[in-house]
Amino acid sequence: MRYAAIDIGSNAVRLLIADIIENNGSVSFKKNTLIRVPLRLGDDAFLNQYISDKKANDLVKTMHAFRNLMDVYKVGDYRAYATSAMREAKNGESVVKQVREMANIDLQIIQGQKEAKIIYASHAEENIDRSKNYLYIDVGGGSTELSLFSAGELMASKSFNIGTIRILDNQDKDETWDEMREFIREHTRQFKSLLGIGTGGNINKLYKLAEEKDKAPLTFTKLKSIYNYLSSFSLKDRINVLGLNQDRADVIIPACDIYMAVMKWAGIKSIYVPSVGMVDGIIQRLIDKNYTKTS
């Protein structure tokens, strides 16, 4: 059995095809194929509140390719979700219709709260001490999702219109930053010791640059050091000298800004980076749905 997850974000579009593993009554999954296409829909959506014909056509072509891959891999079930960029585009539903009619993929535009819950469903905390308190921080191109949980229980969750593409396009607003700071302070003040869990492509890359061993958490001090190091290079040199992908080299700096701001406001000194994200959460929710039905 295989499931597939499609995440249409503001910076990139991802397809994860996963093998479902049943073992002594428990069900898990193993990543089989992960494809990432840097469409950057946010450039249109945040500046013009509209997905251009070119971007829409590129998305349809990508979805058609994903449909063919899912057929070849004999995927049994899938979900396709679009997030911040498509939420803000006035022609978002029109693009959804194009994808459905031309690529045969049922695409849904989801709100920030659902996005946060799906990311939480990735079960990133399973190999971490569940008795402690954690703040999930997922930074995307158009939004940042925060989920606070204590002893394994979700306490609060919210999505904010602060993201890497939005910052690069100068579309982030001071009042949204203030709202996020107040949310963090209100919901974390009762916890003396709070750890972070970071998800998203940028924190995964930052973690690789940190060269931590044995899945050790990334400290705030180390993250700030990497930020200063990256900032000392021009965009061109981050690509040519450091070897960052072109669509990563620009967004990694504002991503760092967001992670450091959240950690500072929440008093987080260390952040775990389990290398999971939206697509992992989608697969897990498909497992929860299908295997709850059959159990």
C-alpha atoms as a PDB file:
ATOM      1  CA  MET A   1       0.000   0.000   0.000  1.00  0.00           C
ATOM      2  CA  ARG A   2       1.218   3.485  -0.854  1.00  0.00           C
ATOM      3  CA  TYR A   3      -0.140   6.920   0.016  1.00  0.00           C
ATOM      4  CA  ALA A   4       0.791  10.277  -1.461  1.00  0.00           C
ATOM      5  CA  ALA A   5       0.823  13.822  -0.096  1.00  0.00           C
ATOM      6  CA  ILE A   6       0.924  17.023  -2.144  1.00  0.00           C
ATOM      7  CA  ASP A   7       1.778  20.326  -0.472  1.00  0.00           C
ATOM      8  CA  ILE A   8       1.349  23.448  -2.611  1.00  0.00           C
ATOM      9  CA  GLY A   9       3.218  26.094  -0.674  1.00  0.00           C
ATOM     10  CA  SER A  10       4.190  29.673  -1.368  1.00  0.00           C
ATOM     11  CA  ASN A  11       7.789  28.847  -2.275  1.00  0.00           C
ATOM     12  CA  ALA A  12       7.650  25.275  -3.553  1.00  0.00           C
ATOM     13  CA  VAL A  13       5.336  22.380  -4.419  1.00  0.00           C
ATOM     14  CA  ARG A  14       6.095  18.958  -2.940  1.00  0.00           C
ATOM     15  CA  LEU A  15       5.000  15.404  -3.621  1.00  0.00           C
ATOM     16  CA  LEU A  16       5.747  12.666  -1.090  1.00  0.00           C
ATOM     17  CA  ILE A  17       4.982   9.048  -1.979  1.00  0.00           C
ATOM     18  CA  ALA A  18       5.220   6.811   1.075  1.00  0.00           C
ATOM     19  CA  ASP A  19       5.141   3.056   1.619  1.00  0.00           C
ATOM     20  CA  ILE A  20       2.727   2.029   4.377  1.00  0.00           C
ATOM     21  CA  ILE A  21       4.140  -0.536   6.805  1.00  0.00           C
ATOM     22  CA  GLU A  22       1.996  -2.748   9.028  1.00  0.00           C
ATOM     23  CA  ASN A  23       3.787  -4.527  11.856  1.00  0.00           C
ATOM     24  CA  ASN A  24       2.118  -6.325  14.752  1.00  0.00           C
ATOM     25  CA  GLY A  25      -0.910  -4.068  14.727  1.00  0.00           C
ATOM     26  CA  SER A  26       1.005  -0.812  14.378  1.00  0.00           C
ATOM     27  CA  VAL A  27       1.055   1.204  11.162  1.00  0.00           C
ATOM     28  CA  SER A  28       3.866   3.505  10.054  1.00  0.00           C
ATOM     29  CA  PHE A  29       5.281   4.786   6.793  1.00  0.00           C
ATOM     30  CA  LYS A  30       8.591   4.968   4.981  1.00  0.00           C
ATOM     31  CA  LYS A  31       9.366   7.731   2.511  1.00  0.00           C
ATOM     32  CA  ASN A  32       9.690   6.297  -0.972  1.00  0.00           C
ATOM     33  CA  THR A  33       9.911   9.335  -3.273  1.00  0.00           C
ATOM     34  CA  LEU A  34      10.021  13.068  -2.497  1.00  0.00           C
ATOM     35  CA  ILE A  35       9.895  15.640  -5.297  1.00  0.00           C
ATOM     36  CA  ARG A  36      10.163  19.391  -4.832  1.00  0.00           C
ATOM     37  CA  VAL A  37       9.409  21.951  -7.555  1.00  0.00           C
ATOM     38  CA  PRO A  38      10.197  25.640  -6.768  1.00  0.00           C
ATOM     39  CA  LEU A  39       7.178  27.323  -8.394  1.00  0.00           C
ATOM     40  CA  ARG A  40       7.137  30.270  -5.931  1.00  0.00           C
ATOM     41  CA  LEU A  41       3.418  31.039  -6.187  1.00  0.00           C
ATOM     42  CA  GLY A  42       3.791  33.565  -3.360  1.00  0.00           C
ATOM     43  CA  ASP A  43       5.465  36.118  -5.615  1.00  0.00           C
ATOM     44  CA  ASP A  44       2.150  36.526  -7.441  1.00  0.00           C
ATOM     45  CA  ALA A  45      -0.209  36.015  -4.540  1.00  0.00           C
ATOM     46  CA  PHE A  46       1.319  38.384  -1.998  1.00  0.00           C
ATOM     47  CA  LEU A  47       2.023  41.228  -4.416  1.00  0.00           C
ATOM     48  CA  ASN A  48      -1.013  41.037  -6.689  1.00  0.00           C
ATOM     49  CA  GLN A  49      -3.454  38.752  -4.827  1.00  0.00           C
ATOM     50  CA  TYR A  50      -3.611  36.833  -8.093  1.00  0.00           C
ATOM     51  CA  ILE A  51      -1.927  33.739  -9.573  1.00  0.00           C
ATOM     52  CA  SER A  52      -0.674  34.671 -13.056  1.00  0.00           C
ATOM     53  CA  ASP A  53      -1.552  32.570 -16.097  1.00  0.00           C
ATOM     54  CA  LYS A  54       2.068  31.437 -16.379  1.00  0.00           C
ATOM     55  CA  LYS A  55       2.256  30.314 -12.751  1.00  0.00           C
ATOM     56  CA  ALA A  56      -1.145  28.620 -13.032  1.00  0.00           C
ATOM     57  CA  ASN A  57      -0.027  26.765 -16.157  1.00  0.00           C
ATOM     58  CA  ASP A  58       3.206  25.685 -14.457  1.00  0.00           C
ATOM     59  CA  LEU A  59       1.180  24.419 -11.490  1.00  0.00           C
ATOM     60  CA  VAL A  60      -1.172  22.449 -13.742  1.00  0.00           C
ATOM     61  CA  LYS A  61       1.793  20.882 -15.564  1.00  0.00           C
ATOM     62  CA  THR A  62       3.379  19.958 -12.232  1.00  0.00           C
ATOM     63  CA  MET A  63       0.137  18.452 -10.937  1.00  0.00           C
ATOM     64  CA  HIS A  64      -0.265  16.471 -14.176  1.00  0.00           C
ATOM     65  CA  ALA A  65       3.235  15.044 -13.676  1.00  0.00           C
ATOM     66  CA  PHE A  66       2.401  14.222 -10.044  1.00  0.00           C
ATOM     67  CA  ARG A  67      -0.809  12.490 -11.170  1.00  0.00           C
ATOM     68  CA  ASN A  68       1.163  10.311 -13.588  1.00  0.00           C
ATOM     69  CA  LEU A  69       3.712   9.445 -10.906  1.00  0.00           C
ATOM     70  CA  MET A  70       0.987   8.498  -8.436  1.00  0.00           C
ATOM     71  CA  ASP A  71      -0.556   6.226 -11.069  1.00  0.00           C
ATOM     72  CA  VAL A  72       2.779   4.561 -11.848  1.00  0.00           C
ATOM     73  CA  TYR A  73       3.484   4.052  -8.136  1.00  0.00           C
ATOM     74  CA  LYS A  74      -0.062   2.662  -7.695  1.00  0.00           C
ATOM     75  CA  VAL A  75      -0.931   5.083  -4.886  1.00  0.00           C
ATOM     76  CA  GLY A  76      -3.986   3.909  -2.946  1.00  0.00           C
ATOM     77  CA  ASP A  77      -4.990   7.244  -1.403  1.00  0.00           C
ATOM     78  CA  TYR A  78      -3.767  10.832  -1.456  1.00  0.00           C
ATOM     79  CA  ARG A  79      -4.476  14.368  -0.308  1.00  0.00           C
ATOM     80  CA  ALA A  80      -3.461  17.589  -2.049  1.00  0.00           C
ATOM     81  CA  TYR A  81      -3.509  20.803  -0.021  1.00  0.00           C
ATOM     82  CA  ALA A  82      -2.689  24.396  -0.969  1.00  0.00           C
ATOM     83  CA  THR A  83      -1.764  26.884   1.719  1.00  0.00           C
ATOM     84  CA  SER A  84      -0.977  30.579   2.140  1.00  0.00           C
ATOM     85  CA  ALA A  85      -0.387  31.736  -1.464  1.00  0.00           C
ATOM     86  CA  MET A  86      -3.533  30.089  -2.803  1.00  0.00           C
ATOM     87  CA  ARG A  87      -5.517  31.322   0.204  1.00  0.00           C
ATOM     88  CA  GLU A  88      -4.738  34.918  -0.687  1.00  0.00           C
ATOM     89  CA  ALA A  89      -5.081  34.684  -4.468  1.00  0.00           C
ATOM     90  CA  LYS A  90      -8.480  35.945  -5.625  1.00  0.00           C
ATOM     91  CA  ASN A  91      -8.418  33.368  -8.434  1.00  0.00           C
ATOM     92  CA  GLY A  92      -7.384  30.539  -6.109  1.00  0.00           C
ATOM     93  CA  GLU A  93     -10.591  28.556  -6.599  1.00  0.00           C
ATOM     94  CA  SER A  94     -10.320  29.028 -10.371  1.00  0.00           C
ATOM     95  CA  VAL A  95      -6.821  27.530 -10.295  1.00  0.00           C
ATOM     96  CA  VAL A  96      -8.134  24.649  -8.159  1.00  0.00           C
ATOM     97  CA  LYS A  97     -10.741  23.986 -10.852  1.00  0.00           C
ATOM     98  CA  GLN A  98      -8.058  23.975 -13.572  1.00  0.00           C
ATOM     99  CA  VAL A  99      -6.011  21.453 -11.593  1.00  0.00           C
ATOM    100  CA  ARG A 100      -9.054  19.230 -11.105  1.00  0.00           C
ATOM    101  CA  GLU A 101     -10.117  19.336 -14.768  1.00  0.00           C
ATOM    102  CA  MET A 102      -6.695  19.210 -16.446  1.00  0.00           C
ATOM    103  CA  ALA A 103      -4.610  17.117 -14.026  1.00  0.00           C
ATOM    104  CA  ASN A 104      -7.330  15.008 -12.366  1.00  0.00           C
ATOM    105  CA  ILE A 105      -6.198  15.976  -8.868  1.00  0.00           C
ATOM    106  CA  ASP A 106      -8.658  16.973  -6.169  1.00  0.00           C
ATOM    107  CA  LEU A 107      -6.948  20.000  -4.632  1.00  0.00           C
ATOM    108  CA  GLN A 108      -8.164  21.778  -1.507  1.00  0.00           C
ATOM    109  CA  ILE A 109      -7.199  25.213  -0.229  1.00  0.00           C
ATOM    110  CA  ILE A 110      -6.904  24.930   3.546  1.00  0.00           C
ATOM    111  CA  GLN A 111      -6.926  27.575   6.259  1.00  0.00           C
ATOM    112  CA  GLY A 112      -4.003  28.247   8.559  1.00  0.00           C
ATOM    113  CA  GLN A 113      -5.479  26.459  11.565  1.00  0.00           C
ATOM    114  CA  LYS A 114      -5.884  23.222   9.615  1.00  0.00           C
ATOM    115  CA  GLU A 115      -2.379  23.644   8.217  1.00  0.00           C
ATOM    116  CA  ALA A 116      -0.994  23.886  11.756  1.00  0.00           C
ATOM    117  CA  LYS A 117      -2.886  20.759  12.833  1.00  0.00           C
ATOM    118  CA  ILE A 118      -1.610  18.779   9.836  1.00  0.00           C
ATOM    119  CA  ILE A 119       1.979  19.779  10.592  1.00  0.00           C
ATOM    120  CA  TYR A 120       1.392  18.741  14.216  1.00  0.00           C
ATOM    121  CA  ALA A 121       0.113  15.359  12.953  1.00  0.00           C
ATOM    122  CA  SER A 122       3.591  14.583  11.583  1.00  0.00           C
ATOM    123  CA  HIS A 123       4.358  13.140  15.045  1.00  0.00           C
ATOM    124  CA  ALA A 124       7.746  14.856  15.131  1.00  0.00           C
ATOM    125  CA  GLU A 125       7.729  14.632  18.911  1.00  0.00           C
ATOM    126  CA  GLU A 126       7.511  10.823  19.084  1.00  0.00           C
ATOM    127  CA  ASN A 127      11.240  10.297  19.634  1.00  0.00           C
ATOM    128  CA  ILE A 128      11.462  13.184  22.082  1.00  0.00           C
ATOM    129  CA  ASP A 129      10.710  13.192  25.808  1.00  0.00           C
ATOM    130  CA  ARG A 130       6.938  13.658  25.810  1.00  0.00           C
ATOM    131  CA  SER A 131       6.908  14.788  29.439  1.00  0.00           C
ATOM    132  CA  LYS A 132       8.478  18.117  28.428  1.00  0.00           C
ATOM    133  CA  ASN A 133       6.978  21.217  26.847  1.00  0.00           C
ATOM    134  CA  TYR A 134       7.505  22.055  23.179  1.00  0.00           C
ATOM    135  CA  LEU A 135       6.640  24.747  20.688  1.00  0.00           C
ATOM    136  CA  TYR A 136       6.290  23.543  17.102  1.00  0.00           C
ATOM    137  CA  ILE A 137       7.578  26.211  14.707  1.00  0.00           C
ATOM    138  CA  ASP A 138       6.898  25.697  11.007  1.00  0.00           C
ATOM    139  CA  VAL A 139       8.060  28.503   8.724  1.00  0.00           C
ATOM    140  CA  GLY A 140       6.830  28.584   5.145  1.00  0.00           C
ATOM    141  CA  GLY A 141       6.870  31.056   2.315  1.00  0.00           C
ATOM    142  CA  GLY A 142       3.604  32.744   3.292  1.00  0.00           C
ATOM    143  CA  SER A 143       2.861  31.778   6.874  1.00  0.00           C
ATOM    144  CA  THR A 144       4.298  30.547  10.151  1.00  0.00           C
ATOM    145  CA  GLU A 145       2.429  27.901  12.122  1.00  0.00           C
ATOM    146  CA  LEU A 146       2.920  27.641  15.865  1.00  0.00           C
ATOM    147  CA  SER A 147       1.655  24.759  18.003  1.00  0.00           C
ATOM    148  CA  LEU A 148       2.318  24.503  21.729  1.00  0.00           C
ATOM    149  CA  PHE A 149       2.037  21.189  23.511  1.00  0.00           C
ATOM    150  CA  SER A 150       2.713  19.968  27.015  1.00  0.00           C
ATOM    151  CA  ALA A 151       3.113  16.306  28.015  1.00  0.00           C
ATOM    152  CA  GLY A 152       2.061  15.316  24.508  1.00  0.00           C
ATOM    153  CA  GLU A 153      -1.182  17.308  24.612  1.00  0.00           C
ATOM    154  CA  LEU A 154      -1.856  20.153  22.164  1.00  0.00           C
ATOM    155  CA  MET A 155      -2.448  23.315  24.208  1.00  0.00           C
ATOM    156  CA  ALA A 156      -2.705  26.050  21.556  1.00  0.00           C
ATOM    157  CA  SER A 157      -2.192  26.395  17.817  1.00  0.00           C
ATOM    158  CA  LYS A 158      -2.276  29.336  15.421  1.00  0.00           C
ATOM    159  CA  SER A 159      -1.178  30.391  11.932  1.00  0.00           C
ATOM    160  CA  PHE A 160       0.305  33.822  11.189  1.00  0.00           C
ATOM    161  CA  ASN A 161       0.764  35.591   7.854  1.00  0.00           C
ATOM    162  CA  ILE A 162       4.512  35.862   8.274  1.00  0.00           C
ATOM    163  CA  GLY A 163       6.677  33.918   5.831  1.00  0.00           C
ATOM    164  CA  THR A 164       9.890  34.078   3.865  1.00  0.00           C
ATOM    165  CA  ILE A 165       8.426  35.103   0.485  1.00  0.00           C
ATOM    166  CA  ARG A 166       6.128  37.577   2.204  1.00  0.00           C
ATOM    167  CA  ILE A 167       9.139  39.204   3.902  1.00  0.00           C
ATOM    168  CA  LEU A 168      11.201  39.297   0.696  1.00  0.00           C
ATOM    169  CA  ASP A 169       8.271  41.019  -1.038  1.00  0.00           C
ATOM    170  CA  ASN A 170       7.840  43.450   1.900  1.00  0.00           C
ATOM    171  CA  GLN A 171       4.315  42.146   2.472  1.00  0.00           C
ATOM    172  CA  ASP A 172       4.702  41.270   6.156  1.00  0.00           C
ATOM    173  CA  LYS A 173       2.966  43.648   8.545  1.00  0.00           C
ATOM    174  CA  ASP A 174       4.138  44.997  11.897  1.00  0.00           C
ATOM    175  CA  GLU A 175       0.782  44.243  13.484  1.00  0.00           C
ATOM    176  CA  THR A 176       1.071  40.570  12.471  1.00  0.00           C
ATOM    177  CA  TRP A 177       4.505  40.351  14.101  1.00  0.00           C
ATOM    178  CA  ASP A 178       2.995  41.949  17.211  1.00  0.00           C
ATOM    179  CA  GLU A 179       0.117  39.467  17.158  1.00  0.00           C
ATOM    180  CA  MET A 180       2.524  36.536  16.955  1.00  0.00           C
ATOM    181  CA  ARG A 181       4.643  37.894  19.807  1.00  0.00           C
ATOM    182  CA  GLU A 182       1.574  38.334  22.020  1.00  0.00           C
ATOM    183  CA  PHE A 183       0.327  34.813  21.193  1.00  0.00           C
ATOM    184  CA  ILE A 184       3.701  33.382  22.204  1.00  0.00           C
ATOM    185  CA  ARG A 185       3.913  35.382  25.421  1.00  0.00           C
ATOM    186  CA  GLU A 186       0.340  34.588  26.427  1.00  0.00           C
ATOM    187  CA  HIS A 187       0.641  30.831  25.908  1.00  0.00           C
ATOM    188  CA  THR A 188       4.222  30.220  27.035  1.00  0.00           C
ATOM    189  CA  ARG A 189       4.464  32.343  30.193  1.00  0.00           C
ATOM    190  CA  GLN A 190       3.334  29.407  32.371  1.00  0.00           C
ATOM    191  CA  PHE A 191       6.217  27.204  31.201  1.00  0.00           C
ATOM    192  CA  LYS A 192       9.609  27.745  32.807  1.00  0.00           C
ATOM    193  CA  SER A 193      11.404  25.438  30.389  1.00  0.00           C
ATOM    194  CA  LEU A 194      10.326  25.294  26.746  1.00  0.00           C
ATOM    195  CA  LEU A 195      12.002  23.498  23.854  1.00  0.00           C
ATOM    196  CA  GLY A 196      11.437  24.067  20.147  1.00  0.00           C
ATOM    197  CA  ILE A 197      10.632  21.691  17.305  1.00  0.00           C
ATOM    198  CA  GLY A 198      11.389  23.196  13.919  1.00  0.00           C
ATOM    199  CA  THR A 199       9.917  21.991  10.643  1.00  0.00           C
ATOM    200  CA  GLY A 200      10.218  23.239   7.086  1.00  0.00           C
ATOM    201  CA  GLY A 201      12.835  23.193   4.348  1.00  0.00           C
ATOM    202  CA  ASN A 202      14.799  26.154   5.697  1.00  0.00           C
ATOM    203  CA  ILE A 203      15.333  24.848   9.224  1.00  0.00           C
ATOM    204  CA  ASN A 204      16.308  21.478   7.747  1.00  0.00           C
ATOM    205  CA  LYS A 205      18.999  23.215   5.670  1.00  0.00           C
ATOM    206  CA  LEU A 206      20.159  25.299   8.637  1.00  0.00           C
ATOM    207  CA  TYR A 207      20.464  22.126  10.684  1.00  0.00           C
ATOM    208  CA  LYS A 208      22.620  20.503   8.004  1.00  0.00           C
ATOM    209  CA  LEU A 209      24.857  23.571   7.959  1.00  0.00           C
ATOM    210  CA  ALA A 210      25.204  23.291  11.753  1.00  0.00           C
ATOM    211  CA  GLU A 211      26.600  19.744  11.359  1.00  0.00           C
ATOM    212  CA  GLU A 212      25.096  18.578  14.639  1.00  0.00           C
ATOM    213  CA  LYS A 213      25.598  14.903  15.494  1.00  0.00           C
ATOM    214  CA  ASP A 214      23.205  12.247  16.813  1.00  0.00           C
ATOM    215  CA  LYS A 215      20.122  14.401  16.176  1.00  0.00           C
ATOM    216  CA  ALA A 216      21.198  16.846  18.880  1.00  0.00           C
ATOM    217  CA  PRO A 217      19.082  20.008  19.114  1.00  0.00           C
ATOM    218  CA  LEU A 218      20.249  23.241  17.502  1.00  0.00           C
ATOM    219  CA  THR A 219      20.981  25.938  20.074  1.00  0.00           C
ATOM    220  CA  PHE A 220      19.882  29.532  19.657  1.00  0.00           C
ATOM    221  CA  THR A 221      23.537  30.598  19.854  1.00  0.00           C
ATOM    222  CA  LYS A 222      24.517  28.227  17.024  1.00  0.00           C
ATOM    223  CA  LEU A 223      21.549  29.325  14.918  1.00  0.00           C
ATOM    224  CA  LYS A 224      22.520  32.981  15.344  1.00  0.00           C
ATOM    225  CA  SER A 225      26.105  32.126  14.407  1.00  0.00           C
ATOM    226  CA  ILE A 226      24.936  30.440  11.179  1.00  0.00           C
ATOM    227  CA  TYR A 227      22.696  33.419  10.447  1.00  0.00           C
ATOM    228  CA  ASN A 228      25.614  35.830  10.807  1.00  0.00           C
ATOM    229  CA  TYR A 229      27.767  33.594   8.607  1.00  0.00           C
ATOM    230  CA  LEU A 230      25.139  33.368   5.840  1.00  0.00           C
ATOM    231  CA  SER A 231      24.418  37.089   6.047  1.00  0.00           C
ATOM    232  CA  SER A 232      28.095  37.866   5.444  1.00  0.00           C
ATOM    233  CA  PHE A 233      27.715  36.485   1.901  1.00  0.00           C
ATOM    234  CA  SER A 234      25.888  38.175  -0.958  1.00  0.00           C
ATOM    235  CA  LEU A 235      22.965  36.318  -2.528  1.00  0.00           C
ATOM    236  CA  LYS A 236      25.174  35.453  -5.489  1.00  0.00           C
ATOM    237  CA  ASP A 237      27.908  34.042  -3.240  1.00  0.00           C
ATOM    238  CA  ARG A 238      25.426  32.048  -1.164  1.00  0.00           C
ATOM    239  CA  ILE A 239      24.626  30.297  -4.443  1.00  0.00           C
ATOM    240  CA  ASN A 240      28.078  30.082  -6.036  1.00  0.00           C
ATOM    241  CA  VAL A 241      30.351  29.803  -2.999  1.00  0.00           C
ATOM    242  CA  LEU A 242      28.154  28.070  -0.398  1.00  0.00           C
ATOM    243  CA  GLY A 243      26.315  25.953  -2.979  1.00  0.00           C
ATOM    244  CA  LEU A 244      22.772  26.793  -1.858  1.00  0.00           C
ATOM    245  CA  ASN A 245      20.006  26.290  -4.394  1.00  0.00           C
ATOM    246  CA  GLN A 246      18.851  29.543  -5.964  1.00  0.00           C
ATOM    247  CA  ASP A 247      15.361  29.228  -4.490  1.00  0.00           C
ATOM    248  CA  ARG A 248      16.843  28.538  -1.029  1.00  0.00           C
ATOM    249  CA  ALA A 249      19.618  31.138  -0.959  1.00  0.00           C
ATOM    250  CA  ASP A 250      17.296  34.131  -0.612  1.00  0.00           C
ATOM    251  CA  VAL A 251      14.599  32.717   1.691  1.00  0.00           C
ATOM    252  CA  ILE A 252      16.956  31.168   4.242  1.00  0.00           C
ATOM    253  CA  ILE A 253      17.835  34.586   5.737  1.00  0.00           C
ATOM    254  CA  PRO A 254      14.236  35.711   6.513  1.00  0.00           C
ATOM    255  CA  ALA A 255      13.500  32.158   7.710  1.00  0.00           C
ATOM    256  CA  CYS A 256      16.311  32.519  10.213  1.00  0.00           C
ATOM    257  CA  ASP A 257      14.864  35.872  11.307  1.00  0.00           C
ATOM    258  CA  ILE A 258      11.519  34.229  12.042  1.00  0.00           C
ATOM    259  CA  TYR A 259      12.929  31.234  13.934  1.00  0.00           C
ATOM    260  CA  MET A 260      15.179  33.455  16.050  1.00  0.00           C
ATOM    261  CA  ALA A 261      12.345  35.884  16.844  1.00  0.00           C
ATOM    262  CA  VAL A 262      10.019  33.073  17.949  1.00  0.00           C
ATOM    263  CA  MET A 263      12.728  31.401  20.024  1.00  0.00           C
ATOM    264  CA  LYS A 264      13.632  34.708  21.685  1.00  0.00           C
ATOM    265  CA  TRP A 265      10.027  35.581  22.529  1.00  0.00           C
ATOM    266  CA  ALA A 266       9.323  32.076  23.858  1.00  0.00           C
ATOM    267  CA  GLY A 267      12.590  31.814  25.796  1.00  0.00           C
ATOM    268  CA  ILE A 268      13.628  28.761  23.769  1.00  0.00           C
ATOM    269  CA  LYS A 269      17.340  27.956  23.989  1.00  0.00           C
ATOM    270  CA  SER A 270      17.357  24.810  21.821  1.00  0.00           C
ATOM    271  CA  ILE A 271      15.310  23.553  18.876  1.00  0.00           C
ATOM    272  CA  TYR A 272      14.969  19.965  17.632  1.00  0.00           C
ATOM    273  CA  VAL A 273      14.880  19.484  13.846  1.00  0.00           C
ATOM    274  CA  PRO A 274      13.267  16.124  12.980  1.00  0.00           C
ATOM    275  CA  SER A 275      13.206  16.732   9.180  1.00  0.00           C
ATOM    276  CA  VAL A 276       9.453  16.401   8.817  1.00  0.00           C
ATOM    277  CA  GLY A 277       6.835  18.793   7.526  1.00  0.00           C
ATOM    278  CA  MET A 278       3.456  19.242   5.931  1.00  0.00           C
ATOM    279  CA  VAL A 279       3.676  16.210   3.633  1.00  0.00           C
ATOM    280  CA  ASP A 280       4.586  13.926   6.555  1.00  0.00           C
ATOM    281  CA  GLY A 281       1.557  15.178   8.470  1.00  0.00           C
ATOM    282  CA  ILE A 282      -0.707  14.511   5.471  1.00  0.00           C
ATOM    283  CA  ILE A 283       0.512  10.911   5.204  1.00  0.00           C
ATOM    284  CA  GLN A 284      -0.013  10.388   8.930  1.00  0.00           C
ATOM    285  CA  ARG A 285      -3.560  11.731   8.728  1.00  0.00           C
ATOM    286  CA  LEU A 286      -4.294   9.378   5.819  1.00  0.00           C
ATOM    287  CA  ILE A 287      -3.072   6.489   7.975  1.00  0.00           C
ATOM    288  CA  ASP A 288      -5.196   7.654  10.921  1.00  0.00           C
ATOM    289  CA  LYS A 289      -8.249   7.948   8.663  1.00  0.00           C
ATOM    290  CA  ASN A 290      -7.942   4.674   6.763  1.00  0.00           C
ATOM    291  CA  TYR A 291      -6.730   2.429   9.548  1.00  0.00           C
ATOM    292  CA  THR A 292      -9.236   3.754  12.067  1.00  0.00           C
ATOM    293  CA  LYS A 293     -11.952   2.776   9.587  1.00  0.00           C
ATOM    294  CA  THR A 294     -10.647  -0.768   9.165  1.00  0.00           C
ATOM    295  CA  SER A 295      -9.755  -1.439  12.795  1.00  0.00           C
END
